[in-house]
N, C-alpha and C. Protein backbone atom coordinates (compact mmCIF):
# COMPACT_ATOMS: atom_id res chain seq x y z
N MET A 1 136.20 28.76 127.58
CA MET A 1 135.33 28.01 126.71
C MET A 1 134.01 28.77 126.56
N THR A 2 133.40 28.59 125.40
CA THR A 2 132.16 29.28 125.06
C THR A 2 131.16 28.29 124.48
N THR A 3 129.89 28.43 124.82
CA THR A 3 128.84 27.58 124.26
C THR A 3 128.05 28.39 123.24
N ILE A 4 127.92 27.82 122.05
CA ILE A 4 127.11 28.43 120.99
C ILE A 4 125.92 27.53 120.75
N LYS A 5 124.73 28.06 120.96
CA LYS A 5 123.49 27.30 120.73
C LYS A 5 122.92 27.75 119.39
N MET A 6 122.52 26.75 118.60
CA MET A 6 121.99 27.03 117.27
C MET A 6 120.48 27.19 117.32
N ASP A 7 119.92 27.80 116.27
CA ASP A 7 118.49 28.13 116.28
C ASP A 7 117.56 26.93 116.15
N ASP A 8 118.09 25.73 115.95
CA ASP A 8 117.21 24.56 115.96
C ASP A 8 116.91 24.11 117.40
N SER A 9 117.50 24.79 118.37
CA SER A 9 117.31 24.56 119.81
C SER A 9 117.78 23.20 120.29
N ARG A 10 118.42 22.43 119.46
CA ARG A 10 118.96 21.13 119.86
C ARG A 10 120.47 21.09 119.77
N THR A 11 121.02 21.74 118.75
CA THR A 11 122.45 21.68 118.50
C THR A 11 123.16 22.78 119.27
N GLN A 12 124.24 22.38 119.94
CA GLN A 12 125.09 23.38 120.57
C GLN A 12 126.53 22.92 120.47
N TYR A 13 127.43 23.90 120.42
CA TYR A 13 128.85 23.64 120.30
C TYR A 13 129.57 24.26 121.49
N ASP A 14 130.43 23.49 122.13
CA ASP A 14 131.30 24.00 123.18
C ASP A 14 132.66 24.25 122.53
N VAL A 15 132.93 25.50 122.23
CA VAL A 15 134.16 25.84 121.51
C VAL A 15 135.24 26.28 122.47
N GLU A 16 136.49 26.07 122.07
CA GLU A 16 137.62 26.38 122.92
C GLU A 16 137.93 27.88 122.98
N GLU A 17 137.50 28.65 121.99
CA GLU A 17 137.74 30.09 121.97
C GLU A 17 136.95 30.77 123.08
N ASN A 18 137.51 31.84 123.65
CA ASN A 18 136.80 32.53 124.73
C ASN A 18 135.68 33.40 124.15
N TYR A 19 134.78 33.83 125.03
CA TYR A 19 133.58 34.58 124.65
C TYR A 19 133.91 35.83 123.84
N GLY A 20 134.87 36.62 124.31
CA GLY A 20 135.23 37.86 123.61
C GLY A 20 135.74 37.60 122.21
N ARG A 21 136.54 36.56 122.06
CA ARG A 21 137.08 36.19 120.75
C ARG A 21 135.96 35.75 119.81
N VAL A 22 135.02 34.96 120.30
CA VAL A 22 133.90 34.50 119.48
C VAL A 22 133.07 35.70 119.01
N CYS A 23 132.78 36.62 119.90
CA CYS A 23 131.99 37.82 119.54
C CYS A 23 132.72 38.65 118.49
N ASP A 24 134.03 38.82 118.66
CA ASP A 24 134.83 39.56 117.67
C ASP A 24 134.80 38.88 116.31
N LEU A 25 134.92 37.56 116.31
CA LEU A 25 134.89 36.81 115.04
C LEU A 25 133.54 36.92 114.36
N ILE A 26 132.45 36.88 115.13
CA ILE A 26 131.12 37.03 114.54
C ILE A 26 130.97 38.40 113.90
N ARG A 27 131.37 39.45 114.62
CA ARG A 27 131.28 40.82 114.06
C ARG A 27 132.13 40.96 112.81
N SER A 28 133.32 40.42 112.84
CA SER A 28 134.24 40.50 111.71
C SER A 28 133.66 39.76 110.49
N THR A 29 133.10 38.59 110.73
CA THR A 29 132.51 37.80 109.66
C THR A 29 131.31 38.53 109.05
N GLN A 30 130.48 39.13 109.88
CA GLN A 30 129.33 39.90 109.39
C GLN A 30 129.80 41.10 108.59
N GLY A 31 130.85 41.77 109.07
CA GLY A 31 131.37 42.96 108.39
C GLY A 31 131.90 42.66 107.00
N LYS A 32 132.42 41.47 106.82
CA LYS A 32 132.95 41.06 105.50
C LYS A 32 131.87 40.53 104.59
N GLY A 33 130.67 40.33 105.12
CA GLY A 33 129.58 39.78 104.33
C GLY A 33 129.63 38.26 104.22
N ASP A 34 130.48 37.63 105.02
CA ASP A 34 130.57 36.17 105.02
C ASP A 34 129.50 35.59 105.93
N LYS A 35 129.28 34.28 105.83
CA LYS A 35 128.26 33.62 106.64
C LYS A 35 128.84 32.57 107.58
N PHE A 36 130.04 32.08 107.29
CA PHE A 36 130.57 30.96 108.05
C PHE A 36 131.78 31.34 108.88
N LEU A 37 131.86 30.72 110.03
CA LEU A 37 132.90 30.98 111.01
C LEU A 37 133.54 29.65 111.37
N GLU A 38 134.87 29.58 111.38
CA GLU A 38 135.56 28.35 111.75
C GLU A 38 136.02 28.45 113.20
N LEU A 39 135.59 27.50 114.02
CA LEU A 39 135.94 27.47 115.43
C LEU A 39 136.41 26.07 115.80
N THR A 40 137.02 25.95 116.98
CA THR A 40 137.50 24.66 117.46
C THR A 40 136.54 24.13 118.51
N GLU A 41 135.82 23.07 118.18
CA GLU A 41 134.85 22.45 119.09
C GLU A 41 135.57 21.39 119.91
N SER A 42 135.20 21.26 121.18
CA SER A 42 135.91 20.37 122.10
C SER A 42 135.83 18.89 121.71
N ASP A 43 134.72 18.44 121.11
CA ASP A 43 134.57 17.04 120.73
C ASP A 43 134.90 16.76 119.27
N TYR A 44 134.57 17.69 118.38
CA TYR A 44 134.67 17.45 116.95
C TYR A 44 135.89 18.06 116.28
N GLY A 45 136.64 18.88 116.97
CA GLY A 45 137.77 19.58 116.34
C GLY A 45 137.27 20.82 115.63
N LYS A 46 137.81 21.11 114.45
CA LYS A 46 137.41 22.29 113.68
C LYS A 46 136.00 22.13 113.13
N VAL A 47 135.15 23.13 113.35
CA VAL A 47 133.79 23.13 112.81
C VAL A 47 133.51 24.46 112.13
N TRP A 48 132.66 24.42 111.11
CA TRP A 48 132.19 25.62 110.44
C TRP A 48 130.77 25.89 110.93
N ILE A 49 130.53 27.11 111.37
CA ILE A 49 129.23 27.49 111.91
C ILE A 49 128.66 28.63 111.08
N ASN A 50 127.41 28.47 110.65
CA ASN A 50 126.72 29.53 109.92
C ASN A 50 126.25 30.56 110.93
N ILE A 51 126.75 31.79 110.83
CA ILE A 51 126.42 32.80 111.84
C ILE A 51 124.95 33.21 111.77
N ASN A 52 124.28 32.96 110.66
CA ASN A 52 122.85 33.28 110.56
C ASN A 52 121.98 32.32 111.36
N ASN A 53 122.55 31.19 111.80
CA ASN A 53 121.79 30.19 112.55
C ASN A 53 122.13 30.16 114.03
N ILE A 54 122.87 31.13 114.51
CA ILE A 54 123.23 31.18 115.93
C ILE A 54 122.08 31.79 116.72
N LEU A 55 121.65 31.06 117.76
CA LEU A 55 120.59 31.54 118.65
C LEU A 55 121.20 32.31 119.82
N SER A 56 122.24 31.75 120.43
CA SER A 56 122.87 32.43 121.57
C SER A 56 124.33 32.03 121.70
N VAL A 57 125.08 32.92 122.36
CA VAL A 57 126.49 32.69 122.68
C VAL A 57 126.64 32.94 124.16
N ARG A 58 127.19 31.95 124.88
CA ARG A 58 127.30 32.06 126.34
C ARG A 58 128.71 31.69 126.80
N ALA A 59 129.26 32.51 127.68
CA ALA A 59 130.57 32.24 128.26
C ALA A 59 130.43 31.18 129.34
N ASN A 60 131.36 30.25 129.40
CA ASN A 60 131.39 29.21 130.43
C ASN A 60 132.60 29.44 131.33
N GLY A 61 132.37 29.31 132.61
CA GLY A 61 133.50 29.38 133.53
C GLY A 61 133.70 30.66 134.20
């Protein structure tokens, strides 16, 4: 599981994807010129995250 904290410093998502996978997806999304990433959040299910608003990505566990 990975925690993604957003730049508003209040919102964070605990996603089911592991840290390495999240980092790869962010790089891939940036490389394509896209802004949004679809991940699986533990409480909400599928969520779309704007990669321009990510403050930090942290591995849990």
